Amino acid sequence: MRIGEFVRRTGVSERLLRHYEEQGLLRPERGAGGQREYGEAHVEVVRRIRCLLSAGLGITMIATVLPCLEDESEHLAPTCPDMLRRLRAERDRIDRAMEAMRESREALDSVIAAGQARG
């Protein structure tokens, strides 16, 4: 399928698809005129990329993880031996970031409360 149909099928903009391609996450075939051609497997790759992005992983980590995943019913499952360790480390990084955001919110709440008290 051509890129217009691929955009429609995946719900991802052409610009973002090209970014995935530049990052090595997506490798479309090339047609006679050099145009990108996508298949069903590419739709699945984009679905996986979007799933991993929504889980908080960055593009660099996704490039590492993507070749080591397979679908198990409704979930992605790691298949490479070292991948669980890497995913746990990434989860720990996300936990630390969430804690820092919670602390920032508490500080902002204090500022807001002080402002409301002044009235």
Protein backbone atom coordinates (compact mmCIF):
# COMPACT_ATOMS: atom_id res chain seq x y z
CA MET A 1 0.00 0.00 0.00
CA ARG A 2 1.12 3.54 -0.63
CA ILE A 3 1.79 6.03 2.13
CA GLY A 4 -1.65 7.71 1.97
CA GLU A 5 -3.40 4.41 2.66
CA PHE A 6 -0.79 3.54 5.28
CA VAL A 7 -1.42 6.83 7.08
CA ARG A 8 -5.15 6.08 7.06
CA ARG A 9 -4.65 2.51 8.33
CA THR A 10 -2.24 3.40 11.14
CA GLY A 11 -3.57 6.80 12.18
CA VAL A 12 0.00 8.11 12.17
CA SER A 13 1.01 11.15 10.15
CA GLU A 14 3.26 10.85 7.12
CA ARG A 15 5.84 13.02 8.84
CA LEU A 16 5.94 10.73 11.87
CA LEU A 17 6.19 7.64 9.66
CA ARG A 18 9.19 9.18 7.92
CA HIS A 19 10.71 9.88 11.35
CA TYR A 20 10.26 6.21 12.29
CA GLU A 21 11.96 5.31 9.03
CA GLU A 22 14.86 7.70 9.69
CA GLN A 23 15.32 6.12 13.12
CA GLY A 24 15.46 2.64 11.59
CA LEU A 25 12.19 1.51 13.17
CA LEU A 26 10.29 1.15 9.91
CA ARG A 27 11.71 -0.18 6.65
CA PRO A 28 9.23 0.07 3.78
CA GLU A 29 9.86 -1.55 0.44
CA ARG A 30 10.54 0.70 -2.55
CA GLY A 31 8.44 0.54 -5.69
CA ALA A 32 9.52 1.09 -9.28
CA GLY A 33 9.58 4.87 -8.95
CA GLY A 34 11.24 4.78 -5.54
CA GLN A 35 7.94 5.27 -3.74
CA ARG A 36 7.51 3.67 -0.37
CA GLU A 37 5.29 0.62 -0.29
CA TYR A 38 3.94 -0.80 2.95
CA GLY A 39 2.45 -4.17 3.79
CA GLU A 40 0.42 -5.59 6.66
CA ALA A 41 3.60 -6.34 8.59
CA HIS A 42 4.42 -2.61 8.55
CA VAL A 43 1.00 -1.82 10.05
CA GLU A 44 1.87 -4.20 12.89
CA VAL A 45 5.29 -2.58 13.40
CA VAL A 46 3.66 0.85 13.74
CA ARG A 47 1.15 -0.59 16.22
CA ARG A 48 4.03 -1.94 18.29
CA ILE A 49 5.91 1.37 18.12
CA ARG A 50 2.83 3.27 19.29
CA CYS A 51 2.29 0.77 22.11
CA LEU A 52 5.88 1.15 23.31
CA LEU A 53 5.73 4.94 23.06
CA SER A 54 2.55 4.97 25.15
CA ALA A 55 4.38 2.82 27.72
CA GLY A 56 6.91 5.63 28.09
CA LEU A 57 9.79 4.24 26.07
CA GLY A 58 11.84 6.56 23.91
CA ILE A 59 12.70 5.99 20.26
CA THR A 60 16.23 4.79 21.06
CA MET A 61 14.97 2.17 23.50
CA ILE A 62 12.22 1.15 21.08
CA ALA A 63 14.84 0.54 18.38
CA THR A 64 16.54 -1.86 20.80
CA VAL A 65 13.36 -3.56 22.03
CA LEU A 66 11.36 -3.83 18.81
CA PRO A 67 13.27 -6.77 17.26
CA CYS A 68 12.87 -8.70 20.53
CA LEU A 69 9.10 -8.63 20.84
CA GLU A 70 6.32 -10.89 19.73
CA ASP A 71 2.58 -10.80 20.25
CA GLU A 72 1.16 -13.04 22.94
CA SER A 73 -2.60 -12.71 22.71
CA GLU A 74 -3.25 -9.09 23.71
CA HIS A 75 0.25 -8.21 24.93
CA LEU A 76 3.76 -7.84 23.59
CA ALA A 77 6.26 -10.26 25.12
CA PRO A 78 10.07 -10.01 25.08
CA THR A 79 11.93 -12.83 23.34
CA CYS A 80 15.60 -11.84 23.72
CA PRO A 81 17.40 -13.12 26.86
CA ASP A 82 18.57 -9.73 28.17
CA MET A 83 15.40 -7.80 27.34
CA LEU A 84 13.62 -8.27 30.70
CA ARG A 85 16.55 -6.67 32.51
CA ARG A 86 16.54 -3.73 30.11
CA LEU A 87 12.78 -3.29 30.38
CA ARG A 88 12.95 -3.36 34.18
CA ALA A 89 15.68 -0.71 34.09
CA GLU A 90 13.50 1.42 31.83
CA ARG A 91 10.55 0.97 34.21
CA ASP A 92 12.80 2.08 37.10
CA ARG A 93 13.76 5.18 35.10
CA ILE A 94 10.09 5.97 34.54
CA ASP A 95 9.38 5.47 38.27
CA ARG A 96 12.11 7.96 39.14
CA ALA A 97 10.73 10.47 36.64
CA MET A 98 7.23 10.04 38.08
CA GLU A 99 8.53 10.65 41.60
CA ALA A 100 10.30 13.82 40.44
CA MET A 101 7.07 15.01 38.77
CA ARG A 102 5.11 14.29 41.98
CA GLU A 103 7.60 16.39 43.95
CA SER A 104 7.32 19.19 41.38
CA ARG A 105 3.54 19.10 41.63
CA GLU A 106 3.69 19.30 45.42
CA ALA A 107 5.99 22.32 45.19
CA LEU A 108 3.63 23.97 42.70
CA ASP A 109 0.64 23.19 44.94
CA SER A 110 2.44 25.00 47.79
CA VAL A 111 2.98 28.06 45.63
CA ILE A 112 -0.66 28.04 44.52
CA ALA A 113 -1.89 27.65 48.11
CA ALA A 114 0.30 30.55 49.24
CA GLY A 115 -1.09 32.69 46.44
CA GLN A 116 -4.67 31.80 47.32
CA ALA A 117 -4.03 32.65 50.98
CA ARG A 118 -2.94 36.13 49.93
CA GLY A 119 -6.12 36.34 48.05
